[in-house]
Protein backbone atom coordinates (compact mmCIF):
# COMPACT_ATOMS: atom_id res chain seq x y z
CA UNK A 1 9.65 -5.12 -20.82
CA UNK A 2 9.02 -5.42 -17.07
CA UNK A 3 5.66 -4.14 -15.91
CA UNK A 4 5.79 -1.91 -12.87
CA UNK A 5 4.10 -3.61 -9.92
CA UNK A 6 1.23 -1.80 -8.24
CA UNK A 7 1.93 -0.45 -4.74
CA UNK A 8 -0.82 -2.06 -2.64
CA UNK A 9 -2.60 -0.18 0.15
CA UNK A 10 -3.33 -2.60 2.98
CA UNK A 11 -3.27 -2.59 6.74
CA UNK A 12 -0.57 -4.28 8.78
CA UNK A 13 -3.09 -6.86 10.04
CA UNK A 14 -3.31 -8.24 6.50
CA UNK A 15 0.33 -7.63 5.54
CA UNK A 16 1.73 -9.40 8.59
CA UNK A 17 -0.33 -12.48 7.76
CA UNK A 18 1.17 -12.77 4.25
CA UNK A 19 3.61 -15.55 5.15
CA UNK A 20 3.18 -17.55 1.92
CA UNK A 21 5.53 -16.37 -0.84
CA UNK A 22 5.53 -17.16 -4.55
CA UNK A 23 9.09 -16.91 -5.82
CA UNK A 24 9.69 -15.51 -9.30
CA UNK A 25 10.92 -18.28 -11.57
CA UNK A 26 12.67 -16.28 -14.28
CA UNK A 27 15.57 -13.90 -13.70
CA UNK A 28 14.33 -10.55 -12.36
CA UNK A 29 10.74 -11.80 -12.34
CA UNK A 30 8.79 -10.53 -9.30
CA UNK A 31 8.04 -12.53 -6.17
CA UNK A 32 4.71 -12.17 -4.38
CA UNK A 33 3.63 -12.45 -0.76
CA UNK A 34 0.03 -13.68 -0.77
CA UNK A 35 -2.17 -12.22 1.96
CA UNK A 36 -5.00 -14.13 3.68
CA UNK A 37 -7.46 -12.02 1.64
CA UNK A 38 -5.82 -13.00 -1.64
CA UNK A 39 -3.75 -9.92 -2.49
CA UNK A 40 -0.61 -10.95 -4.41
CA UNK A 41 1.73 -8.28 -3.10
CA UNK A 42 5.12 -7.29 -4.46
CA UNK A 43 5.17 -3.59 -3.52
CA UNK A 44 3.23 -1.60 -0.94
CA UNK A 45 2.56 2.00 -0.04
CA UNK A 46 2.09 2.12 3.72
CA UNK A 47 1.61 5.11 6.02
CA UNK A 48 1.52 5.67 9.76
CA UNK A 49 3.58 6.83 12.71
CA UNK A 50 7.25 5.89 12.78
CA UNK A 51 7.47 5.04 16.49
CA UNK A 52 10.88 3.38 16.64
CA UNK A 53 14.06 3.31 14.58
CA UNK A 54 17.50 1.82 15.21
CA UNK A 55 20.70 1.52 13.23
CA UNK A 56 21.91 -2.01 14.00
CA UNK A 57 24.76 -1.65 11.51
CA UNK A 58 27.56 0.90 11.51
CA UNK A 59 27.81 4.55 10.50
CA UNK A 60 29.63 3.56 7.29
CA UNK A 61 27.42 0.55 6.59
CA UNK A 62 24.04 1.34 8.18
CA UNK A 63 21.27 -1.20 8.63
CA UNK A 64 18.13 0.53 9.82
CA UNK A 65 15.18 -1.21 11.43
CA UNK A 66 11.96 0.57 12.26
CA UNK A 67 8.40 0.13 13.44
CA UNK A 68 5.48 2.03 11.90
CA UNK A 69 2.04 2.05 13.55
CA UNK A 70 -0.62 2.27 10.85
CA UNK A 71 -3.79 1.94 12.93
CA UNK A 72 -4.70 2.03 16.61
CA UNK A 73 -3.73 -1.61 17.05
CA UNK A 74 -1.43 -2.52 14.17
CA UNK A 75 2.19 -2.03 13.13
CA UNK A 76 4.48 -3.11 10.33
CA UNK A 77 8.26 -3.33 10.30
CA UNK A 78 10.84 -1.91 7.92
CA UNK A 79 14.44 -2.89 7.16
CA UNK A 80 16.76 -0.56 5.22
CA UNK A 81 20.23 -1.67 4.14
CA UNK A 82 23.06 -0.66 1.85
CA UNK A 83 21.02 -1.25 -1.29
CA UNK A 84 18.46 1.40 -0.29
CA UNK A 85 20.75 4.43 0.12
CA UNK A 86 18.03 7.01 -0.46
CA UNK A 87 15.75 5.47 2.18
CA UNK A 88 18.70 5.05 4.58
CA UNK A 89 19.62 8.71 4.27
CA UNK A 90 15.99 9.74 4.75
CA UNK A 91 15.29 7.68 7.87
CA UNK A 92 18.53 8.88 9.47
CA UNK A 93 17.12 12.41 9.41
CA UNK A 94 13.64 11.57 10.76
CA UNK A 95 12.97 12.12 14.45
CA UNK A 96 10.45 9.78 16.06
CA UNK A 97 7.53 9.90 16.39
CA UNK A 98 6.64 11.18 12.92
CA UNK A 99 4.02 10.51 10.27
CA UNK A 100 5.69 8.76 7.34
CA UNK A 101 4.78 7.23 3.98
CA UNK A 102 6.77 4.16 2.94
CA UNK A 103 6.97 2.73 -0.58
CA UNK A 104 8.80 -0.57 -0.73
CA UNK A 105 9.04 -4.28 -1.45
CA UNK A 106 7.54 -6.92 0.82
CA UNK A 107 9.97 -9.48 2.22
CA UNK A 108 9.41 -12.65 4.23
CA UNK A 109 11.92 -14.35 6.51
CA UNK A 110 11.60 -17.85 7.97
CA UNK A 111 13.56 -18.74 11.10
CA UNK A 112 15.18 -22.08 11.82
CA UNK A 113 12.21 -23.07 13.97
CA UNK A 114 9.78 -22.48 11.10
CA UNK A 115 8.33 -19.10 12.07
CA UNK A 116 7.85 -16.63 9.22
CA UNK A 117 8.03 -12.85 9.61
CA UNK A 118 6.99 -10.17 7.13
CA UNK A 119 8.65 -6.79 6.67
CA UNK A 120 8.91 -3.98 4.15
CA UNK A 121 12.18 -2.98 2.49
CA UNK A 122 11.61 0.71 1.66
CA UNK A 123 12.51 2.24 -1.68
CA UNK A 124 11.52 5.61 -0.24
CA UNK A 125 10.39 6.89 3.16
CA UNK A 126 9.03 10.41 3.51
CA UNK A 127 7.66 12.52 6.33
CA UNK A 128 3.99 13.39 5.74
CA UNK A 129 1.34 15.31 7.63
CA UNK A 130 -1.76 14.03 9.39
CA UNK A 131 -4.20 14.76 6.51
CA UNK A 132 -1.98 12.74 4.15
CA UNK A 133 -1.97 9.87 6.65
CA UNK A 134 -5.77 10.08 6.79
CA UNK A 135 -5.99 9.88 2.99
CA UNK A 136 -3.95 6.68 3.12
CA UNK A 137 -6.22 5.29 5.83
CA UNK A 138 -9.20 5.88 3.56
CA UNK A 139 -7.53 4.22 0.57
CA UNK A 140 -6.45 1.22 2.66
CA UNK A 141 -9.94 0.88 4.17
CA UNK A 142 -11.59 0.93 0.74
CA UNK A 143 -9.05 -1.55 -0.64
CA UNK A 144 -9.46 -3.92 2.31
CA UNK A 145 -13.25 -3.74 2.08
CA UNK A 146 -13.08 -4.63 -1.60
CA UNK A 147 -10.92 -7.70 -0.88
CA UNK A 148 -13.26 -8.82 1.88
CA UNK A 149 -16.19 -8.69 -0.56
CA UNK A 150 -14.23 -10.56 -3.22
CA UNK A 151 -13.22 -13.26 -0.75
CA UNK A 152 -16.79 -13.64 0.46
CA UNK A 153 -18.05 -13.94 -3.12
CA UNK A 154 -15.48 -16.68 -3.78
CA UNK A 155 -16.38 -18.57 -0.61
CA UNK A 156 -20.09 -18.34 -1.41
CA UNK A 157 -19.38 -19.94 -4.79
CA UNK A 158 -18.29 -23.13 -3.02
CA UNK A 159 -15.86 -25.40 -4.85
CA UNK A 160 -14.66 -23.29 -7.75
CA UNK A 161 -11.67 -22.85 -10.03
CA UNK A 162 -10.24 -19.62 -11.45
CA UNK A 163 -12.52 -19.75 -14.49
CA UNK A 164 -15.61 -19.99 -12.25
CA UNK A 165 -14.52 -17.00 -10.17
CA UNK A 166 -13.79 -14.91 -13.25
CA UNK A 167 -17.30 -15.69 -14.48
CA UNK A 168 -18.58 -14.13 -11.24
CA UNK A 169 -16.90 -10.84 -12.14
CA UNK A 170 -13.67 -11.35 -10.20
CA UNK A 171 -10.55 -10.24 -12.05
CA UNK A 172 -8.28 -13.08 -13.14
CA UNK A 173 -5.30 -12.19 -10.95
CA UNK A 174 -7.58 -11.53 -7.95
CA UNK A 175 -9.19 -14.92 -8.51
CA UNK A 176 -5.76 -16.54 -8.58
CA UNK A 177 -4.79 -14.85 -5.32
CA UNK A 178 -8.04 -15.80 -3.58
CA UNK A 179 -7.66 -19.46 -4.51
CA UNK A 180 -4.07 -19.53 -3.27
CA UNK A 181 -5.09 -17.80 -0.02
CA UNK A 182 -7.92 -20.24 0.66
CA UNK A 183 -5.60 -23.16 -0.02
CA UNK A 184 -2.79 -21.85 2.19
CA UNK A 185 -4.69 -20.16 5.04
CA UNK A 186 -8.26 -21.43 4.89
CA UNK A 187 -11.32 -19.22 5.37
CA UNK A 188 -10.25 -15.88 6.87
CA UNK A 189 -11.78 -14.46 10.04
CA UNK A 190 -13.33 -11.22 8.81
CA UNK A 191 -13.09 -9.65 12.29
CA UNK A 192 -9.30 -9.48 11.87
CA UNK A 193 -9.70 -7.19 8.86
CA UNK A 194 -12.84 -5.30 9.88
CA UNK A 195 -11.17 -4.03 13.05
CA UNK A 196 -8.49 -1.93 11.28
CA UNK A 197 -11.11 -0.68 8.82
CA UNK A 198 -13.25 0.46 11.75
CA UNK A 199 -10.25 2.03 13.52
CA UNK A 200 -9.28 3.85 10.31
CA UNK A 201 -12.74 5.33 9.78
CA UNK A 202 -12.97 6.34 13.43
CA UNK A 203 -9.64 8.15 13.03
CA UNK A 204 -10.84 9.95 9.90
CA UNK A 205 -14.28 10.77 11.37
CA UNK A 206 -13.72 11.15 15.14
CA UNK A 207 -17.07 12.91 15.66
CA UNK A 208 -19.11 10.04 14.21
CA UNK A 209 -20.13 6.85 15.96
CA UNK A 210 -18.61 4.27 13.62
CA UNK A 211 -19.42 0.69 14.59
CA UNK A 212 -19.15 -2.10 12.03
CA UNK A 213 -20.32 -4.63 14.59
CA UNK A 214 -17.23 -6.79 13.97
CA UNK A 215 -19.19 -9.92 12.92
CA UNK A 216 -17.49 -13.23 12.20
CA UNK A 217 -18.87 -13.11 8.66
CA UNK A 218 -19.94 -10.13 6.57
CA UNK A 219 -23.77 -10.18 6.30
CA UNK A 220 -25.63 -9.72 3.03
CA UNK A 221 -26.94 -6.28 3.93
CA UNK A 222 -23.50 -4.69 4.29
CA UNK A 223 -23.12 -1.78 1.85
CA UNK A 224 -21.22 -2.29 -1.40
CA UNK A 225 -18.99 0.65 -0.59
CA UNK A 226 -17.69 2.37 2.52
CA UNK A 227 -19.45 5.69 2.58
CA UNK A 228 -17.32 8.58 3.77
CA UNK A 229 -18.73 12.09 3.93
CA UNK A 230 -17.11 14.42 1.39
CA UNK A 231 -14.34 16.50 2.87
CA UNK A 232 -13.74 20.18 2.43
CA UNK A 233 -10.32 19.76 0.80
CA UNK A 234 -11.41 18.96 -2.74
CA UNK A 235 -9.53 21.00 -5.28
CA UNK A 236 -9.91 21.82 -8.90
CA UNK A 237 -8.15 19.43 -11.29
CA UNK A 238 -6.19 22.32 -12.74
CA UNK A 239 -4.78 23.10 -9.29
CA UNK A 240 -3.69 19.50 -8.80
CA UNK A 241 -2.13 19.43 -12.27
CA UNK A 242 -0.08 22.50 -11.32
CA UNK A 243 1.06 20.76 -8.14
CA UNK A 244 2.11 17.62 -10.02
CA UNK A 245 3.99 19.67 -12.62
CA UNK A 246 5.81 21.50 -9.83
CA UNK A 247 6.71 18.22 -8.11
CA UNK A 248 7.99 16.75 -11.37
CA UNK A 249 10.28 19.73 -11.79
CA UNK A 250 11.49 19.63 -8.17
CA UNK A 251 12.18 15.87 -8.22
CA UNK A 252 14.02 15.91 -11.56
CA UNK A 253 17.41 16.55 -9.98
CA UNK A 254 19.54 14.70 -12.53
CA UNK A 255 17.72 15.46 -15.78
CA UNK A 256 16.39 11.90 -16.03
CA UNK A 257 12.95 12.74 -14.70
CA UNK A 258 11.16 12.10 -11.39
CA UNK A 259 11.01 8.63 -9.90
CA UNK A 260 7.41 7.47 -9.79
CA UNK A 261 7.79 6.29 -6.19
CA UNK A 262 9.07 9.68 -5.07
CA UNK A 263 6.34 11.47 -6.98
CA UNK A 264 3.70 9.28 -5.36
CA UNK A 265 5.06 9.97 -1.86
CA UNK A 266 5.36 13.73 -2.42
CA UNK A 267 1.90 13.90 -3.99
CA UNK A 268 0.44 12.23 -0.92
CA UNK A 269 1.99 14.97 1.22
CA UNK A 270 0.15 17.49 -0.99
CA UNK A 271 -3.14 15.64 -0.39
CA UNK A 272 -3.28 13.95 -3.81
CA UNK A 273 -4.23 10.29 -3.62
CA UNK A 274 -2.59 7.67 -5.80
CA UNK A 275 -5.76 7.29 -7.86
CA UNK A 276 -5.93 11.05 -8.44
CA UNK A 277 -2.24 11.11 -9.32
CA UNK A 278 -2.69 8.36 -11.92
CA UNK A 279 -5.54 10.29 -13.55
CA UNK A 280 -3.62 13.58 -13.44
CA UNK A 281 -0.42 12.17 -14.96
CA UNK A 282 -2.41 10.48 -17.72
CA UNK A 283 -4.12 13.80 -18.47
CA UNK A 284 -0.80 15.65 -18.50
CA UNK A 285 0.65 13.09 -20.91
CA UNK A 286 -2.41 13.47 -23.15
CA UNK A 287 -1.80 17.23 -23.14
CA UNK A 288 1.82 16.71 -24.15
CA UNK A 289 3.16 18.25 -20.93
CA UNK A 290 4.68 15.07 -19.48
CA UNK A 291 6.25 11.93 -20.91
CA UNK A 292 7.76 8.65 -19.68
CA UNK A 293 11.50 8.37 -20.47
CA UNK A 294 11.29 4.85 -18.96
CA UNK A 295 8.89 2.81 -16.81
CA UNK A 296 10.28 4.17 -13.51
CA UNK A 297 10.35 7.87 -14.36
CA UNK A 298 8.09 10.70 -15.44
CA UNK A 299 9.52 13.89 -16.92
CA UNK A 300 8.08 17.32 -17.55
CA UNK A 301 8.46 18.57 -21.11
């Protein structure tokens, strides 16, 4: 049985640098774009402002291209063709500029002169509001910070193999990605990845003076976690369970259940992060209110 790939949260600065691809060897096995921080990425959940869109195909056979700005200084690019009919229909109805959430597969393309470009092929694209975009910024900042720490730990270990890195507390797949990244890209410049983190936190907390200093290397006294002041939007778990149950019912248009990707996008609009959604759906399944008819769907009982 195929295991559903996690939808990574990462900024365009890291995604656009993921020019090394590991092709799946077996039929239908996943391919991975490896980022300079060692993330082995198959699927992503990105959010930002859709600033441009263009149908370079025809009305009957559309081929949409778009640009989404995720931070003050970064953008990623999307391509939607005939095999993504839901996303094609959605983007056709979105007026720019608009906040959007994109769930999709990462694709790389190498030109004849050897240049490699990275884009996202959306499975879904949904209009979201500014608070939902800010929640994604927070998740991407935390995720990027974690990869920076993991990479620094690996570099500090000197010459090491996967077994050595795992012994340091690094997960096996993360260790594999870090070693590939160091081999393909060399030691990353942390400033490249600290800048979008800083921009994201400044966007979330505009009244605070956020300055990470943008050093070339992360010093020892940096905190283990990015500390964000608690917001005022926290809700009771029961309320969020009710929201998820409602979304499951609304998205189950054909009786087969709700697509996980659609549920994740709609939940983000409601202010429910992916981590919260995972916990809530697990709780609902434990209560016997929800089940999985297959690995791509969830259905309300």
